[in-house]
Amino acid sequence: MENLITPTMKDEILSILVANCELNRCLTSALPKPLLDIAKSRNNLQAIFNQFCKFGFLSRGVIGSNSISVIVNIEAHDFLSRGGFTAQEEILKANINKLGLELESLSKELEPKFAEKASTIMTIANNILSVVGVLGR
């Protein structure tokens, strides 16, 4: 699990880029050691940059042998101001929890045959929450 890319890692890297890059201006510089320290490898850092490009946070995210070249977009600022990847994961967990509580409440009001189905769905929701919790660590 040493190479696992976490929401916290992505938030830290995006925060560094937002703090150090002008919007819509290409920054080419020596590869910052803090980015590599956070990502734990060049491959992880490039994968994170690729995802940032896919999400529209970066227009460019290239890692050379000893340098990086990035263009930060306004979407990166907006995303961080709403809590970033960590907040996104917490919202997912809260929604799954809420779903479980709603299903539990509903199962108490339903006829036995429907209550069993609601119970099955509640179990699935709880299993998803468990997996998300494990992956978020």
C-alpha atoms as a PDB file:
ATOM      1  CA  MET A   1       0.000   0.000   0.000  1.00  0.00           C
ATOM      2  CA  GLU A   2       3.076   2.245  -0.067  1.00  0.00           C
ATOM      3  CA  ASN A   3       2.223   3.497  -3.564  1.00  0.00           C
ATOM      4  CA  LEU A   4      -1.423   4.196  -2.752  1.00  0.00           C
ATOM      5  CA  ILE A   5      -2.393   7.701  -3.843  1.00  0.00           C
ATOM      6  CA  THR A   6      -4.652   9.227  -1.208  1.00  0.00           C
ATOM      7  CA  PRO A   7      -7.039  12.194  -1.293  1.00  0.00           C
ATOM      8  CA  THR A   8      -4.761  13.966   1.204  1.00  0.00           C
ATOM      9  CA  MET A   9      -1.752  13.555  -1.104  1.00  0.00           C
ATOM     10  CA  LYS A  10      -3.682  14.981  -4.041  1.00  0.00           C
ATOM     11  CA  ASP A  11      -4.930  17.915  -1.939  1.00  0.00           C
ATOM     12  CA  GLU A  12      -1.384  18.719  -0.769  1.00  0.00           C
ATOM     13  CA  ILE A  13       0.025  18.616  -4.307  1.00  0.00           C
ATOM     14  CA  LEU A  14      -2.815  20.683  -5.740  1.00  0.00           C
ATOM     15  CA  SER A  15      -2.401  23.219  -2.917  1.00  0.00           C
ATOM     16  CA  ILE A  16       1.311  23.607  -3.688  1.00  0.00           C
ATOM     17  CA  LEU A  17       0.594  24.119  -7.385  1.00  0.00           C
ATOM     18  CA  VAL A  18      -2.170  26.653  -6.718  1.00  0.00           C
ATOM     19  CA  ALA A  19       0.005  28.566  -4.240  1.00  0.00           C
ATOM     20  CA  ASN A  20       3.035  28.728  -6.545  1.00  0.00           C
ATOM     21  CA  CYS A  21       1.657  29.044 -10.083  1.00  0.00           C
ATOM     22  CA  GLU A  22      -0.034  31.964 -11.781  1.00  0.00           C
ATOM     23  CA  LEU A  23      -3.364  31.128 -13.381  1.00  0.00           C
ATOM     24  CA  ASN A  24      -3.189  30.108 -17.034  1.00  0.00           C
ATOM     25  CA  ARG A  25       0.578  30.733 -17.187  1.00  0.00           C
ATOM     26  CA  CYS A  26       3.041  27.977 -17.916  1.00  0.00           C
ATOM     27  CA  LEU A  27       5.446  27.324 -15.077  1.00  0.00           C
ATOM     28  CA  THR A  28       8.511  25.321 -15.985  1.00  0.00           C
ATOM     29  CA  SER A  29      10.949  24.743 -13.166  1.00  0.00           C
ATOM     30  CA  ALA A  30      13.198  22.227 -11.516  1.00  0.00           C
ATOM     31  CA  LEU A  31      11.188  19.355 -10.097  1.00  0.00           C
ATOM     32  CA  PRO A  32      10.207  20.542  -6.605  1.00  0.00           C
ATOM     33  CA  LYS A  33      11.321  18.038  -3.964  1.00  0.00           C
ATOM     34  CA  PRO A  34       8.161  18.587  -1.860  1.00  0.00           C
ATOM     35  CA  LEU A  35       5.996  17.298  -4.729  1.00  0.00           C
ATOM     36  CA  LEU A  36       8.074  14.125  -5.028  1.00  0.00           C
ATOM     37  CA  ASP A  37       8.124  13.679  -1.257  1.00  0.00           C
ATOM     38  CA  ILE A  38       4.326  13.840  -1.132  1.00  0.00           C
ATOM     39  CA  ALA A  39       3.711  11.636  -4.202  1.00  0.00           C
ATOM     40  CA  LYS A  40       6.456   9.155  -3.187  1.00  0.00           C
ATOM     41  CA  SER A  41       7.453   8.500  -6.813  1.00  0.00           C
ATOM     42  CA  ARG A  42       7.659  10.126 -10.238  1.00  0.00           C
ATOM     43  CA  ASN A  43       5.056   7.682 -11.553  1.00  0.00           C
ATOM     44  CA  ASN A  44       2.603   8.636  -8.810  1.00  0.00           C
ATOM     45  CA  LEU A  45       3.205  12.338  -9.435  1.00  0.00           C
ATOM     46  CA  GLN A  46       2.626  11.931 -13.179  1.00  0.00           C
ATOM     47  CA  ALA A  47      -0.544   9.915 -12.495  1.00  0.00           C
ATOM     48  CA  ILE A  48      -1.784  12.696 -10.207  1.00  0.00           C
ATOM     49  CA  PHE A  49      -0.952  15.344 -12.838  1.00  0.00           C
ATOM     50  CA  ASN A  50      -2.808  13.255 -15.448  1.00  0.00           C
ATOM     51  CA  GLN A  51      -5.890  13.161 -13.237  1.00  0.00           C
ATOM     52  CA  PHE A  52      -5.632  16.901 -12.577  1.00  0.00           C
ATOM     53  CA  CYS A  53      -5.579  17.463 -16.358  1.00  0.00           C
ATOM     54  CA  LYS A  54      -8.567  15.155 -16.828  1.00  0.00           C
ATOM     55  CA  PHE A  55     -10.525  17.110 -14.192  1.00  0.00           C
ATOM     56  CA  GLY A  56      -9.565  20.453 -15.771  1.00  0.00           C
ATOM     57  CA  PHE A  57      -7.397  21.600 -12.845  1.00  0.00           C
ATOM     58  CA  LEU A  58      -4.324  21.720 -15.116  1.00  0.00           C
ATOM     59  CA  SER A  59      -4.023  22.438 -18.842  1.00  0.00           C
ATOM     60  CA  ARG A  60      -0.542  20.985 -18.764  1.00  0.00           C
ATOM     61  CA  GLY A  61       1.134  18.672 -16.281  1.00  0.00           C
ATOM     62  CA  VAL A  62       4.382  17.202 -17.546  1.00  0.00           C
ATOM     63  CA  ILE A  63       7.269  15.770 -15.573  1.00  0.00           C
ATOM     64  CA  GLY A  64      10.623  15.760 -17.344  1.00  0.00           C
ATOM     65  CA  SER A  65      13.796  14.097 -16.156  1.00  0.00           C
ATOM     66  CA  ASN A  66      14.560  16.945 -13.742  1.00  0.00           C
ATOM     67  CA  SER A  67      11.764  19.442 -14.299  1.00  0.00           C
ATOM     68  CA  ILE A  68       8.035  19.995 -14.350  1.00  0.00           C
ATOM     69  CA  SER A  69       5.873  22.075 -16.638  1.00  0.00           C
ATOM     70  CA  VAL A  70       2.374  22.960 -15.455  1.00  0.00           C
ATOM     71  CA  ILE A  71      -0.460  25.334 -16.261  1.00  0.00           C
ATOM     72  CA  VAL A  72      -2.939  25.755 -13.398  1.00  0.00           C
ATOM     73  CA  ASN A  73      -6.580  26.572 -14.223  1.00  0.00           C
ATOM     74  CA  ILE A  74      -9.204  28.355 -12.113  1.00  0.00           C
ATOM     75  CA  GLU A  75     -10.969  25.013 -11.570  1.00  0.00           C
ATOM     76  CA  ALA A  76      -8.125  24.009  -9.232  1.00  0.00           C
ATOM     77  CA  HIS A  77      -8.760  27.062  -7.050  1.00  0.00           C
ATOM     78  CA  ASP A  78     -12.513  26.418  -7.004  1.00  0.00           C
ATOM     79  CA  PHE A  79     -12.077  22.752  -6.114  1.00  0.00           C
ATOM     80  CA  LEU A  80      -9.704  23.501  -3.228  1.00  0.00           C
ATOM     81  CA  SER A  81     -11.985  26.245  -1.907  1.00  0.00           C
ATOM     82  CA  ARG A  82     -14.734  23.603  -1.614  1.00  0.00           C
ATOM     83  CA  GLY A  83     -12.500  21.286   0.421  1.00  0.00           C
ATOM     84  CA  GLY A  84     -10.704  19.323  -2.281  1.00  0.00           C
ATOM     85  CA  PHE A  85     -10.474  15.558  -2.546  1.00  0.00           C
ATOM     86  CA  THR A  86     -10.637  15.007   1.212  1.00  0.00           C
ATOM     87  CA  ALA A  87     -13.962  16.832   1.500  1.00  0.00           C
ATOM     88  CA  GLN A  88     -15.269  14.947  -1.539  1.00  0.00           C
ATOM     89  CA  GLU A  89     -14.495  11.637   0.176  1.00  0.00           C
ATOM     90  CA  GLU A  90     -16.097  12.764   3.452  1.00  0.00           C
ATOM     91  CA  ILE A  91     -19.256  13.799   1.585  1.00  0.00           C
ATOM     92  CA  LEU A  92     -19.383  10.360  -0.064  1.00  0.00           C
ATOM     93  CA  LYS A  93     -19.049   8.641   3.317  1.00  0.00           C
ATOM     94  CA  ALA A  94     -21.729  10.871   4.860  1.00  0.00           C
ATOM     95  CA  ASN A  95     -24.126  10.188   1.984  1.00  0.00           C
ATOM     96  CA  ILE A  96     -23.631   6.435   2.268  1.00  0.00           C
ATOM     97  CA  ASN A  97     -24.214   6.668   6.028  1.00  0.00           C
ATOM     98  CA  LYS A  98     -27.371   8.693   5.418  1.00  0.00           C
ATOM     99  CA  LEU A  99     -28.568   6.127   2.887  1.00  0.00           C
ATOM    100  CA  GLY A 100     -28.061   3.362   5.453  1.00  0.00           C
ATOM    101  CA  LEU A 101     -30.037   5.263   8.091  1.00  0.00           C
ATOM    102  CA  GLU A 102     -32.865   6.014   5.661  1.00  0.00           C
ATOM    103  CA  LEU A 103     -33.046   2.364   4.599  1.00  0.00           C
ATOM    104  CA  GLU A 104     -33.057   1.220   8.212  1.00  0.00           C
ATOM    105  CA  SER A 105     -35.919   3.599   8.979  1.00  0.00           C
ATOM    106  CA  LEU A 106     -37.799   2.516   5.870  1.00  0.00           C
ATOM    107  CA  SER A 107     -37.353  -1.190   6.619  1.00  0.00           C
ATOM    108  CA  LYS A 108     -39.168  -0.710   9.936  1.00  0.00           C
ATOM    109  CA  GLU A 109     -42.208   0.689   8.112  1.00  0.00           C
ATOM    110  CA  LEU A 110     -42.448  -1.863   5.296  1.00  0.00           C
ATOM    111  CA  GLU A 111     -44.203  -5.169   4.984  1.00  0.00           C
ATOM    112  CA  PRO A 112     -41.922  -8.128   5.798  1.00  0.00           C
ATOM    113  CA  LYS A 113     -41.138  -9.026   2.162  1.00  0.00           C
ATOM    114  CA  PHE A 114     -40.079  -5.440   1.365  1.00  0.00           C
ATOM    115  CA  ALA A 115     -38.268  -5.044   4.673  1.00  0.00           C
ATOM    116  CA  GLU A 116     -35.990  -7.926   3.716  1.00  0.00           C
ATOM    117  CA  LYS A 117     -35.064  -6.195   0.439  1.00  0.00           C
ATOM    118  CA  ALA A 118     -34.420  -2.930   2.280  1.00  0.00           C
ATOM    119  CA  SER A 119     -32.218  -4.816   4.726  1.00  0.00           C
ATOM    120  CA  THR A 120     -30.224  -6.291   1.839  1.00  0.00           C
ATOM    121  CA  ILE A 121     -29.733  -2.839   0.316  1.00  0.00           C
ATOM    122  CA  MET A 122     -28.705  -1.479   3.713  1.00  0.00           C
ATOM    123  CA  THR A 123     -26.095  -4.236   4.033  1.00  0.00           C
ATOM    124  CA  ILE A 124     -24.709  -3.352   0.606  1.00  0.00           C
ATOM    125  CA  ALA A 125     -24.527   0.344   1.562  1.00  0.00           C
ATOM    126  CA  ASN A 126     -22.711  -0.524   4.787  1.00  0.00           C
ATOM    127  CA  ASN A 127     -20.263  -2.716   2.862  1.00  0.00           C
ATOM    128  CA  ILE A 128     -19.542   0.160   0.480  1.00  0.00           C
ATOM    129  CA  LEU A 129     -18.970   2.478   3.420  1.00  0.00           C
ATOM    130  CA  SER A 130     -16.549  -0.025   4.958  1.00  0.00           C
ATOM    131  CA  VAL A 131     -14.556  -0.268   1.737  1.00  0.00           C
ATOM    132  CA  VAL A 132     -14.457   3.514   1.311  1.00  0.00           C
ATOM    133  CA  GLY A 133     -13.293   3.852   4.911  1.00  0.00           C
ATOM    134  CA  VAL A 134     -10.477   1.361   4.414  1.00  0.00           C
ATOM    135  CA  LEU A 135      -9.345   2.970   1.153  1.00  0.00           C
ATOM    136  CA  GLY A 136      -9.339   6.432   2.707  1.00  0.00           C
ATOM    137  CA  ARG A 137      -6.738   5.522   5.314  1.00  0.00           C
END
